[in-house]
Amino acid sequence: MTDFYKRYFRPKAGDRESMKVLRISTFVWSLLGTIAALAMINVRSVLDAWWKLSGIFGGGMLGLFLLGYFSRRVRNVSAAIATTLGILVIMWMTFSPGWDSVFASPFHSFLIPVIGTLGIFLVGLLLSGRKEIKERKDGG
């Protein structure tokens, strides 16, 4: 509450508002935890769970890190769009194998961090490259 909400959003939030925000955030985090627990029901070993979790969390972080390291022109908006798309791909690859439809991911779960990292990195480069081309045309 103090580190994020009061610092960045509402510094003068009262006790009543603070309790409302805490209750809502508790509900959201418990819902996300329940969804994660339900997604792990069919896990057969700790290694399978590790690969799933590293695919969800590691792919996004590594892709964003590589994007910042290799591209000097990437801006916050480009990085945010690339990360959002990459996380959506990671979530699709993680949760869709149980679907009985054409939209199920055909990839093995070990490829989740690889494709997630590449997705964020390449989309970010593409978006930052378009901005660089536009700046060159405008003379800036």
C-alpha atoms as a PDB file:
ATOM      1  CA  MET A   1       0.000   0.000   0.000  1.00  0.00           C
ATOM      2  CA  THR A   2       2.640   2.520   1.017  1.00  0.00           C
ATOM      3  CA  ASP A   3       5.291   1.486  -1.492  1.00  0.00           C
ATOM      4  CA  PHE A   4       3.128   1.553  -4.614  1.00  0.00           C
ATOM      5  CA  TYR A   5      -0.395   2.879  -4.220  1.00  0.00           C
ATOM      6  CA  LYS A   6       0.312   5.817  -1.936  1.00  0.00           C
ATOM      7  CA  ARG A   7       3.612   6.652  -3.598  1.00  0.00           C
ATOM      8  CA  TYR A   8       2.508   6.594  -7.257  1.00  0.00           C
ATOM      9  CA  PHE A   9      -1.276   6.815  -7.400  1.00  0.00           C
ATOM     10  CA  ARG A  10      -2.870   8.481  -4.377  1.00  0.00           C
ATOM     11  CA  PRO A  11      -0.440   9.948  -1.823  1.00  0.00           C
ATOM     12  CA  LYS A  12      -3.269  11.406   0.259  1.00  0.00           C
ATOM     13  CA  ALA A  13      -5.431   8.270   0.395  1.00  0.00           C
ATOM     14  CA  GLY A  14      -7.352   7.932   3.646  1.00  0.00           C
ATOM     15  CA  ASP A  15      -7.852   4.859   5.793  1.00  0.00           C
ATOM     16  CA  ARG A  16     -11.184   3.961   4.216  1.00  0.00           C
ATOM     17  CA  GLU A  17      -9.794   4.114   0.668  1.00  0.00           C
ATOM     18  CA  SER A  18      -6.661   2.234   1.715  1.00  0.00           C
ATOM     19  CA  MET A  19      -8.717  -0.630   3.149  1.00  0.00           C
ATOM     20  CA  LYS A  20     -10.805  -0.798  -0.021  1.00  0.00           C
ATOM     21  CA  VAL A  21      -7.659  -1.003  -2.184  1.00  0.00           C
ATOM     22  CA  LEU A  22      -6.158  -3.656   0.107  1.00  0.00           C
ATOM     23  CA  ARG A  23      -9.305  -5.782  -0.063  1.00  0.00           C
ATOM     24  CA  ILE A  24      -9.486  -5.538  -3.849  1.00  0.00           C
ATOM     25  CA  SER A  25      -5.788  -6.372  -4.273  1.00  0.00           C
ATOM     26  CA  THR A  26      -6.132  -9.322  -1.876  1.00  0.00           C
ATOM     27  CA  PHE A  27      -9.024 -10.630  -3.969  1.00  0.00           C
ATOM     28  CA  VAL A  28      -7.099 -10.188  -7.247  1.00  0.00           C
ATOM     29  CA  TRP A  29      -3.938 -11.904  -5.931  1.00  0.00           C
ATOM     30  CA  SER A  30      -5.948 -14.788  -4.443  1.00  0.00           C
ATOM     31  CA  LEU A  31      -7.771 -15.215  -7.761  1.00  0.00           C
ATOM     32  CA  LEU A  32      -4.439 -15.316  -9.636  1.00  0.00           C
ATOM     33  CA  GLY A  33      -3.070 -17.830  -7.108  1.00  0.00           C
ATOM     34  CA  THR A  34      -6.130 -20.038  -7.527  1.00  0.00           C
ATOM     35  CA  ILE A  35      -5.817 -19.924 -11.312  1.00  0.00           C
ATOM     36  CA  ALA A  36      -2.125 -20.868 -11.051  1.00  0.00           C
ATOM     37  CA  ALA A  37      -2.970 -23.733  -8.684  1.00  0.00           C
ATOM     38  CA  LEU A  38      -5.662 -25.051 -11.031  1.00  0.00           C
ATOM     39  CA  ALA A  39      -3.233 -24.856 -13.943  1.00  0.00           C
ATOM     40  CA  MET A  40      -0.786 -27.044 -12.012  1.00  0.00           C
ATOM     41  CA  ILE A  41      -3.282 -29.816 -11.179  1.00  0.00           C
ATOM     42  CA  ASN A  42      -1.984 -32.188 -13.871  1.00  0.00           C
ATOM     43  CA  VAL A  43       1.688 -31.646 -13.054  1.00  0.00           C
ATOM     44  CA  ARG A  44       3.427 -34.992 -12.644  1.00  0.00           C
ATOM     45  CA  SER A  45       6.780 -33.880 -11.253  1.00  0.00           C
ATOM     46  CA  VAL A  46       8.546 -30.912  -9.756  1.00  0.00           C
ATOM     47  CA  LEU A  47      10.585 -30.535 -12.937  1.00  0.00           C
ATOM     48  CA  ASP A  48       7.419 -30.150 -15.011  1.00  0.00           C
ATOM     49  CA  ALA A  49       6.193 -27.451 -12.630  1.00  0.00           C
ATOM     50  CA  TRP A  50       9.584 -25.722 -12.794  1.00  0.00           C
ATOM     51  CA  TRP A  51       9.509 -25.610 -16.600  1.00  0.00           C
ATOM     52  CA  LYS A  52       5.987 -24.226 -16.614  1.00  0.00           C
ATOM     53  CA  LEU A  53       6.746 -21.527 -14.059  1.00  0.00           C
ATOM     54  CA  SER A  54      10.084 -20.597 -15.624  1.00  0.00           C
ATOM     55  CA  GLY A  55       8.338 -20.340 -18.977  1.00  0.00           C
ATOM     56  CA  ILE A  56       5.746 -17.973 -17.580  1.00  0.00           C
ATOM     57  CA  PHE A  57       8.080 -15.731 -15.593  1.00  0.00           C
ATOM     58  CA  GLY A  58      11.523 -16.196 -17.124  1.00  0.00           C
ATOM     59  CA  GLY A  59      10.618 -15.719 -20.778  1.00  0.00           C
ATOM     60  CA  GLY A  60       9.181 -12.263 -20.225  1.00  0.00           C
ATOM     61  CA  MET A  61      12.056 -11.056 -18.071  1.00  0.00           C
ATOM     62  CA  LEU A  62      14.800 -12.325 -20.358  1.00  0.00           C
ATOM     63  CA  GLY A  63      13.133 -10.951 -23.496  1.00  0.00           C
ATOM     64  CA  LEU A  64      12.774  -7.513 -21.935  1.00  0.00           C
ATOM     65  CA  PHE A  65      16.367  -7.576 -20.667  1.00  0.00           C
ATOM     66  CA  LEU A  66      17.742  -8.526 -24.101  1.00  0.00           C
ATOM     67  CA  LEU A  67      15.615  -5.855 -25.741  1.00  0.00           C
ATOM     68  CA  GLY A  68      17.053  -3.164 -23.488  1.00  0.00           C
ATOM     69  CA  TYR A  69      20.589  -4.479 -23.883  1.00  0.00           C
ATOM     70  CA  PHE A  70      20.692  -4.714 -27.684  1.00  0.00           C
ATOM     71  CA  SER A  71      18.461  -1.828 -28.695  1.00  0.00           C
ATOM     72  CA  ARG A  72      19.392   1.697 -27.698  1.00  0.00           C
ATOM     73  CA  ARG A  73      16.332   3.227 -29.344  1.00  0.00           C
ATOM     74  CA  VAL A  74      13.592   1.185 -27.682  1.00  0.00           C
ATOM     75  CA  ARG A  75      11.106   3.355 -25.793  1.00  0.00           C
ATOM     76  CA  ASN A  76       8.778   2.511 -22.917  1.00  0.00           C
ATOM     77  CA  VAL A  77       5.706   2.173 -25.118  1.00  0.00           C
ATOM     78  CA  SER A  78       7.464  -0.222 -27.529  1.00  0.00           C
ATOM     79  CA  ALA A  79       8.790  -2.296 -24.626  1.00  0.00           C
ATOM     80  CA  ALA A  80       5.363  -2.389 -22.950  1.00  0.00           C
ATOM     81  CA  ILE A  81       3.625  -3.504 -26.151  1.00  0.00           C
ATOM     82  CA  ALA A  82       6.280  -6.155 -26.812  1.00  0.00           C
ATOM     83  CA  THR A  83       6.087  -7.442 -23.239  1.00  0.00           C
ATOM     84  CA  THR A  84       2.292  -7.570 -23.295  1.00  0.00           C
ATOM     85  CA  LEU A  85       2.252  -9.526 -26.562  1.00  0.00           C
ATOM     86  CA  GLY A  86       5.020 -11.824 -25.317  1.00  0.00           C
ATOM     87  CA  ILE A  87       3.168 -12.561 -22.080  1.00  0.00           C
ATOM     88  CA  LEU A  88      -0.006 -13.303 -24.018  1.00  0.00           C
ATOM     89  CA  VAL A  89       1.934 -15.789 -26.178  1.00  0.00           C
ATOM     90  CA  ILE A  90       3.480 -17.341 -23.060  1.00  0.00           C
ATOM     91  CA  MET A  91       0.057 -17.684 -21.428  1.00  0.00           C
ATOM     92  CA  TRP A  92      -1.394 -19.212 -24.604  1.00  0.00           C
ATOM     93  CA  MET A  93       1.445 -21.742 -24.817  1.00  0.00           C
ATOM     94  CA  THR A  94       1.131 -22.576 -21.122  1.00  0.00           C
ATOM     95  CA  PHE A  95      -2.608 -23.017 -20.817  1.00  0.00           C
ATOM     96  CA  SER A  96      -3.781 -24.075 -24.295  1.00  0.00           C
ATOM     97  CA  PRO A  97      -2.401 -27.659 -24.510  1.00  0.00           C
ATOM     98  CA  GLY A  98      -5.414 -28.838 -22.495  1.00  0.00           C
ATOM     99  CA  TRP A  99      -7.835 -27.374 -25.025  1.00  0.00           C
ATOM    100  CA  ASP A 100      -9.461 -29.671 -27.548  1.00  0.00           C
ATOM    101  CA  SER A 101      -9.464 -27.211 -30.412  1.00  0.00           C
ATOM    102  CA  VAL A 102      -7.423 -25.870 -33.283  1.00  0.00           C
ATOM    103  CA  PHE A 103      -6.212 -23.053 -31.033  1.00  0.00           C
ATOM    104  CA  ALA A 104      -4.168 -25.377 -28.803  1.00  0.00           C
ATOM    105  CA  SER A 105      -0.436 -24.782 -28.870  1.00  0.00           C
ATOM    106  CA  PRO A 106       1.427 -27.358 -30.988  1.00  0.00           C
ATOM    107  CA  PHE A 107       4.751 -26.655 -29.232  1.00  0.00           C
ATOM    108  CA  HIS A 108       6.384 -28.606 -26.433  1.00  0.00           C
ATOM    109  CA  SER A 109       6.288 -26.913 -23.023  1.00  0.00           C
ATOM    110  CA  PHE A 110      10.109 -26.658 -22.949  1.00  0.00           C
ATOM    111  CA  LEU A 111       9.867 -24.122 -25.797  1.00  0.00           C
ATOM    112  CA  ILE A 112       7.728 -21.680 -23.787  1.00  0.00           C
ATOM    113  CA  PRO A 113      10.679 -19.630 -22.434  1.00  0.00           C
ATOM    114  CA  VAL A 114      12.413 -19.674 -25.819  1.00  0.00           C
ATOM    115  CA  ILE A 115       9.411 -18.502 -27.837  1.00  0.00           C
ATOM    116  CA  GLY A 116       8.382 -16.012 -25.146  1.00  0.00           C
ATOM    117  CA  THR A 117      11.867 -14.479 -25.065  1.00  0.00           C
ATOM    118  CA  LEU A 118      12.129 -14.320 -28.852  1.00  0.00           C
ATOM    119  CA  GLY A 119       8.634 -12.875 -29.146  1.00  0.00           C
ATOM    120  CA  ILE A 120       9.309  -9.992 -26.773  1.00  0.00           C
ATOM    121  CA  PHE A 121      12.744  -9.326 -28.227  1.00  0.00           C
ATOM    122  CA  LEU A 122      11.712  -9.383 -31.894  1.00  0.00           C
ATOM    123  CA  VAL A 123       8.469  -7.415 -31.475  1.00  0.00           C
ATOM    124  CA  GLY A 124      10.353  -4.809 -29.427  1.00  0.00           C
ATOM    125  CA  LEU A 125      13.063  -4.534 -32.072  1.00  0.00           C
ATOM    126  CA  LEU A 126      10.467  -4.249 -34.812  1.00  0.00           C
ATOM    127  CA  LEU A 127       8.604  -1.476 -32.973  1.00  0.00           C
ATOM    128  CA  SER A 128      11.781   0.426 -32.077  1.00  0.00           C
ATOM    129  CA  GLY A 129      13.087   0.003 -35.634  1.00  0.00           C
ATOM    130  CA  ARG A 130       9.931   1.564 -37.052  1.00  0.00           C
ATOM    131  CA  LYS A 131      10.446   4.585 -34.793  1.00  0.00           C
ATOM    132  CA  GLU A 132      14.090   4.848 -35.914  1.00  0.00           C
ATOM    133  CA  ILE A 133      13.051   4.757 -39.593  1.00  0.00           C
ATOM    134  CA  LYS A 134      10.419   7.419 -38.968  1.00  0.00           C
ATOM    135  CA  GLU A 135      12.985   9.647 -37.187  1.00  0.00           C
ATOM    136  CA  ARG A 136      15.399   9.303 -40.120  1.00  0.00           C
ATOM    137  CA  LYS A 137      12.679  10.283 -42.621  1.00  0.00           C
ATOM    138  CA  ASP A 138      11.682  13.296 -40.510  1.00  0.00           C
ATOM    139  CA  GLY A 139      15.298  14.392 -40.262  1.00  0.00           C
ATOM    140  CA  GLY A 140      15.516  13.917 -36.482  1.00  0.00           C
END
